[in-house]
Amino acid sequence: MQQSKRRSSLFTSRKGSDPDKEKKGLESRADSTGSGCAIPVKQGMLLKRSGKLLNKEWKKKYVALCDNSVLTYHPSLHDYMQNVHGKDIDLLRTTVKVPGKRPP
């Protein structure tokens, strides 16, 4: 069975992109914005479910969605302001599966 490769076009279309530019990491995109934090499109608190098998629990995280299609989350607003203990998710490399809907 062949799996489909779905891509989100939430921010930009990736058609005709250069493969060498694809390989650049989040750091290179973050550096292009200059010094300081990128201005987020949306930000706020989010409940994130832990991935532990036995003890799955919900934890509050501070989340920021930037216009360079990167979602960052930190344990608190203070950690976000200090830019420590954060994790990034590149939304150009993610897909969303909606239960009950077939892929296009």
N, C-alpha and C. Protein backbone atom coordinates (compact mmCIF):
# COMPACT_ATOMS: atom_id res chain seq x y z
N MET A 1 0.83 -1.17 0.00
CA MET A 1 0.00 0.00 0.00
C MET A 1 0.88 1.25 0.00
N GLN A 2 0.63 2.15 -0.90
CA GLN A 2 1.43 3.35 -1.03
C GLN A 2 0.86 4.47 -0.16
N GLN A 3 1.74 5.09 0.62
CA GLN A 3 1.29 6.19 1.48
C GLN A 3 1.38 7.50 0.70
N SER A 4 0.38 8.33 0.88
CA SER A 4 0.40 9.62 0.20
C SER A 4 1.24 10.60 1.00
N LYS A 5 1.91 11.49 0.30
CA LYS A 5 2.71 12.52 0.95
C LYS A 5 1.91 13.81 0.90
N ARG A 6 1.22 14.11 2.00
CA ARG A 6 0.41 15.32 2.07
C ARG A 6 1.24 16.44 2.67
N ARG A 7 1.01 17.64 2.19
CA ARG A 7 1.71 18.81 2.71
C ARG A 7 0.72 19.92 2.96
N SER A 8 0.94 20.63 4.01
CA SER A 8 0.11 21.77 4.32
C SER A 8 0.62 22.98 3.55
N SER A 9 -0.30 23.76 3.02
CA SER A 9 0.09 25.00 2.35
C SER A 9 -0.39 26.19 3.18
N LEU A 10 -0.32 26.04 4.48
CA LEU A 10 -0.80 27.07 5.38
C LEU A 10 -0.04 28.38 5.19
N PHE A 11 1.26 28.31 4.96
CA PHE A 11 2.06 29.52 4.86
C PHE A 11 2.49 29.81 3.44
N THR A 12 3.14 28.85 2.80
CA THR A 12 3.61 29.08 1.44
C THR A 12 3.51 27.80 0.65
N SER A 13 3.49 27.95 -0.65
CA SER A 13 3.52 26.80 -1.54
C SER A 13 4.97 26.38 -1.71
N ARG A 14 5.24 25.09 -1.65
CA ARG A 14 6.61 24.60 -1.75
C ARG A 14 6.91 24.06 -3.14
N LYS A 15 6.03 24.27 -4.12
CA LYS A 15 6.25 23.77 -5.47
C LYS A 15 7.44 24.48 -6.09
N GLY A 16 8.30 23.70 -6.74
CA GLY A 16 9.45 24.27 -7.43
C GLY A 16 10.52 24.80 -6.50
N SER A 17 10.54 24.34 -5.27
CA SER A 17 11.55 24.84 -4.33
C SER A 17 12.88 24.14 -4.57
N ASP A 18 13.94 24.80 -4.19
CA ASP A 18 15.29 24.29 -4.34
C ASP A 18 15.56 23.27 -3.24
N PRO A 19 16.01 22.05 -3.59
CA PRO A 19 16.26 21.03 -2.55
C PRO A 19 17.33 21.45 -1.55
N ASP A 20 18.31 22.26 -1.98
CA ASP A 20 19.34 22.71 -1.03
C ASP A 20 18.75 23.66 0.00
N LYS A 21 17.82 24.49 -0.42
CA LYS A 21 17.17 25.39 0.52
C LYS A 21 16.28 24.62 1.49
N GLU A 22 15.70 23.49 1.02
CA GLU A 22 14.86 22.63 1.87
C GLU A 22 15.65 22.12 3.06
N LYS A 23 16.94 21.84 2.85
CA LYS A 23 17.76 21.20 3.88
C LYS A 23 18.15 22.16 4.99
N LYS A 24 18.01 23.45 4.76
CA LYS A 24 18.39 24.41 5.80
C LYS A 24 17.47 24.23 7.00
N GLY A 25 18.05 24.28 8.18
CA GLY A 25 17.28 24.05 9.41
C GLY A 25 16.55 25.28 9.89
N LEU A 26 15.90 25.12 11.01
CA LEU A 26 15.16 26.21 11.63
C LEU A 26 16.09 27.34 12.05
N GLU A 27 17.34 27.00 12.39
CA GLU A 27 18.27 28.03 12.84
C GLU A 27 18.56 29.03 11.74
N SER A 28 18.72 28.56 10.50
CA SER A 28 19.04 29.48 9.42
C SER A 28 17.87 30.43 9.16
N ARG A 29 16.64 29.93 9.28
CA ARG A 29 15.48 30.79 9.08
C ARG A 29 15.34 31.78 10.23
N ALA A 30 15.66 31.35 11.43
CA ALA A 30 15.56 32.24 12.58
C ALA A 30 16.61 33.34 12.50
N ASP A 31 17.81 33.00 11.98
CA ASP A 31 18.87 33.99 11.86
C ASP A 31 18.52 35.07 10.85
N SER A 32 17.72 34.74 9.85
CA SER A 32 17.40 35.71 8.81
C SER A 32 16.48 36.82 9.31
N THR A 33 15.84 36.62 10.45
CA THR A 33 14.95 37.65 10.97
C THR A 33 15.69 38.72 11.75
N GLY A 34 16.97 38.51 12.01
CA GLY A 34 17.74 39.50 12.74
C GLY A 34 17.83 39.15 14.21
N SER A 35 18.30 40.11 14.99
CA SER A 35 18.47 39.84 16.42
C SER A 35 17.14 39.97 17.15
N GLY A 36 17.04 39.28 18.26
CA GLY A 36 15.82 39.33 19.06
C GLY A 36 14.82 38.28 18.62
N CYS A 37 13.64 38.32 19.24
CA CYS A 37 12.59 37.36 18.94
C CYS A 37 11.81 37.79 17.70
N ALA A 38 11.38 36.81 16.92
CA ALA A 38 10.49 37.11 15.79
C ALA A 38 9.13 37.49 16.36
N ILE A 39 8.43 38.38 15.68
CA ILE A 39 7.11 38.81 16.15
C ILE A 39 6.11 37.71 15.84
N PRO A 40 5.45 37.15 16.86
CA PRO A 40 4.52 36.05 16.62
C PRO A 40 3.22 36.51 15.98
N VAL A 41 2.63 35.61 15.16
CA VAL A 41 1.33 35.85 14.57
C VAL A 41 0.25 35.63 15.62
N LYS A 42 0.39 34.55 16.38
CA LYS A 42 -0.50 34.22 17.50
C LYS A 42 0.36 33.72 18.64
N GLN A 43 -0.11 33.93 19.86
CA GLN A 43 0.61 33.43 21.03
C GLN A 43 -0.36 33.26 22.19
N GLY A 44 -0.01 32.38 23.12
CA GLY A 44 -0.85 32.17 24.28
C GLY A 44 -0.56 30.85 24.95
N MET A 45 -1.37 30.52 25.95
CA MET A 45 -1.20 29.28 26.70
C MET A 45 -1.94 28.14 26.00
N LEU A 46 -1.37 26.95 26.11
CA LEU A 46 -1.92 25.76 25.48
C LEU A 46 -1.75 24.58 26.43
N LEU A 47 -2.72 23.69 26.48
CA LEU A 47 -2.57 22.46 27.24
C LEU A 47 -2.03 21.39 26.31
N LYS A 48 -0.86 20.83 26.66
CA LYS A 48 -0.19 19.82 25.85
C LYS A 48 -0.17 18.51 26.62
N ARG A 49 -0.56 17.45 25.94
CA ARG A 49 -0.58 16.14 26.58
C ARG A 49 0.81 15.51 26.50
N SER A 50 1.29 15.00 27.62
CA SER A 50 2.61 14.38 27.64
C SER A 50 2.56 13.05 26.91
N GLY A 51 3.69 12.62 26.39
CA GLY A 51 3.75 11.41 25.59
C GLY A 51 4.09 10.15 26.37
N LYS A 52 4.11 10.24 27.68
CA LYS A 52 4.45 9.06 28.49
C LYS A 52 3.36 8.01 28.35
N LEU A 53 3.77 6.75 28.30
CA LEU A 53 2.81 5.67 28.10
C LEU A 53 1.90 5.44 29.30
N LEU A 54 2.47 5.42 30.49
CA LEU A 54 1.67 5.07 31.67
C LEU A 54 0.94 6.25 32.28
N ASN A 55 1.60 7.39 32.34
CA ASN A 55 1.02 8.53 33.05
C ASN A 55 0.87 9.71 32.11
N LYS A 56 -0.14 9.66 31.25
CA LYS A 56 -0.38 10.77 30.33
C LYS A 56 -1.10 11.88 31.09
N GLU A 57 -0.49 13.05 31.08
CA GLU A 57 -1.10 14.18 31.78
C GLU A 57 -1.01 15.42 30.90
N TRP A 58 -1.83 16.42 31.23
CA TRP A 58 -1.88 17.66 30.49
C TRP A 58 -1.03 18.70 31.21
N LYS A 59 -0.17 19.39 30.46
CA LYS A 59 0.69 20.42 31.03
C LYS A 59 0.50 21.72 30.26
N LYS A 60 0.55 22.84 30.99
CA LYS A 60 0.43 24.15 30.35
C LYS A 60 1.75 24.51 29.68
N LYS A 61 1.66 24.99 28.45
CA LYS A 61 2.83 25.45 27.71
C LYS A 61 2.51 26.81 27.11
N TYR A 62 3.52 27.65 26.99
CA TYR A 62 3.36 28.93 26.30
C TYR A 62 3.75 28.71 24.85
N VAL A 63 2.85 29.04 23.93
CA VAL A 63 3.04 28.73 22.52
C VAL A 63 3.05 30.02 21.71
N ALA A 64 3.93 30.07 20.71
CA ALA A 64 3.98 31.21 19.78
C ALA A 64 4.07 30.68 18.36
N LEU A 65 3.21 31.20 17.49
CA LEU A 65 3.22 30.86 16.07
C LEU A 65 3.81 32.04 15.32
N CYS A 66 4.95 31.83 14.67
CA CYS A 66 5.63 32.91 13.95
C CYS A 66 5.30 32.84 12.46
N ASP A 67 5.52 33.96 11.76
CA ASP A 67 5.19 34.01 10.34
C ASP A 67 6.16 33.23 9.48
N ASN A 68 7.24 32.70 10.05
CA ASN A 68 8.14 31.84 9.29
C ASN A 68 7.73 30.37 9.41
N SER A 69 6.47 30.14 9.76
CA SER A 69 5.84 28.82 9.84
C SER A 69 6.45 27.92 10.92
N VAL A 70 6.92 28.50 11.99
CA VAL A 70 7.48 27.73 13.10
C VAL A 70 6.63 27.95 14.33
N LEU A 71 6.23 26.85 14.96
CA LEU A 71 5.49 26.89 16.21
C LEU A 71 6.49 26.57 17.31
N THR A 72 6.64 27.46 18.28
CA THR A 72 7.55 27.21 19.39
C THR A 72 6.74 27.10 20.68
N TYR A 73 7.17 26.21 21.56
CA TYR A 73 6.50 26.13 22.86
C TYR A 73 7.53 26.03 23.97
N HIS A 74 7.20 26.68 25.07
CA HIS A 74 8.07 26.78 26.24
C HIS A 74 7.25 26.46 27.49
N PRO A 75 7.91 26.07 28.57
CA PRO A 75 7.17 25.78 29.81
C PRO A 75 6.43 26.98 30.37
N SER A 76 6.92 28.20 30.11
CA SER A 76 6.28 29.39 30.67
C SER A 76 6.57 30.61 29.79
N LEU A 77 5.85 31.69 30.04
CA LEU A 77 6.09 32.95 29.33
C LEU A 77 7.50 33.46 29.63
N HIS A 78 7.93 33.29 30.88
CA HIS A 78 9.28 33.73 31.26
C HIS A 78 10.34 33.01 30.45
N ASP A 79 10.20 31.70 30.28
CA ASP A 79 11.15 30.93 29.48
C ASP A 79 11.12 31.37 28.02
N TYR A 80 9.94 31.73 27.52
CA TYR A 80 9.83 32.23 26.14
C TYR A 80 10.58 33.55 26.00
N MET A 81 10.42 34.44 26.96
CA MET A 81 11.09 35.74 26.90
C MET A 81 12.61 35.59 27.00
N GLN A 82 13.07 34.59 27.76
CA GLN A 82 14.50 34.34 27.91
C GLN A 82 15.04 33.44 26.79
N ASN A 83 14.14 32.89 25.99
CA ASN A 83 14.48 31.97 24.89
C ASN A 83 15.26 30.75 25.39
N VAL A 84 14.75 30.12 26.46
CA VAL A 84 15.36 28.91 27.01
C VAL A 84 14.29 27.82 27.15
N HIS A 85 14.72 26.58 27.13
CA HIS A 85 13.86 25.42 27.37
C HIS A 85 12.73 25.32 26.35
N GLY A 86 12.93 25.81 25.15
CA GLY A 86 11.87 25.78 24.14
C GLY A 86 12.09 24.69 23.11
N LYS A 87 11.01 24.34 22.44
CA LYS A 87 11.06 23.38 21.34
C LYS A 87 10.34 23.98 20.14
N ASP A 88 10.84 23.67 18.95
CA ASP A 88 10.28 24.20 17.71
C ASP A 88 9.64 23.09 16.89
N ILE A 89 8.56 23.44 16.21
CA ILE A 89 7.92 22.54 15.26
C ILE A 89 7.80 23.29 13.95
N ASP A 90 8.42 22.76 12.90
CA ASP A 90 8.35 23.38 11.57
C ASP A 90 7.04 22.93 10.92
N LEU A 91 6.10 23.85 10.78
CA LEU A 91 4.77 23.50 10.27
C LEU A 91 4.76 23.21 8.78
N LEU A 92 5.82 23.59 8.06
CA LEU A 92 5.89 23.24 6.64
C LEU A 92 6.13 21.74 6.45
N ARG A 93 6.58 21.08 7.48
CA ARG A 93 6.88 19.64 7.40
C ARG A 93 5.86 18.80 8.16
N THR A 94 4.68 19.34 8.42
CA THR A 94 3.66 18.60 9.16
C THR A 94 2.39 18.48 8.34
N THR A 95 1.60 17.49 8.68
CA THR A 95 0.27 17.33 8.10
C THR A 95 -0.72 17.12 9.23
N VAL A 96 -1.96 17.40 8.95
CA VAL A 96 -3.03 17.23 9.94
C VAL A 96 -4.01 16.22 9.39
N LYS A 97 -4.28 15.19 10.16
CA LYS A 97 -5.27 14.19 9.76
C LYS A 97 -6.56 14.48 10.51
N VAL A 98 -7.64 14.62 9.77
CA VAL A 98 -8.95 14.89 10.36
C VAL A 98 -9.74 13.59 10.33
N PRO A 99 -10.18 13.09 11.49
CA PRO A 99 -10.93 11.84 11.51
C PRO A 99 -12.20 11.94 10.66
N GLY A 100 -12.44 10.92 9.85
CA GLY A 100 -13.64 10.89 9.02
C GLY A 100 -13.49 11.56 7.67
N LYS A 101 -12.35 12.21 7.42
CA LYS A 101 -12.12 12.86 6.13
C LYS A 101 -11.06 12.09 5.37
N ARG A 102 -11.26 12.00 4.06
CA ARG A 102 -10.29 11.34 3.21
C ARG A 102 -9.26 12.36 2.74
N PRO A 103 -8.00 11.93 2.55
CA PRO A 103 -6.99 12.86 2.04
C PRO A 103 -7.31 13.26 0.60
N PRO A 104 -6.95 14.48 0.20
CA PRO A 104 -7.24 14.94 -1.17
C PRO A 104 -6.40 14.23 -2.20
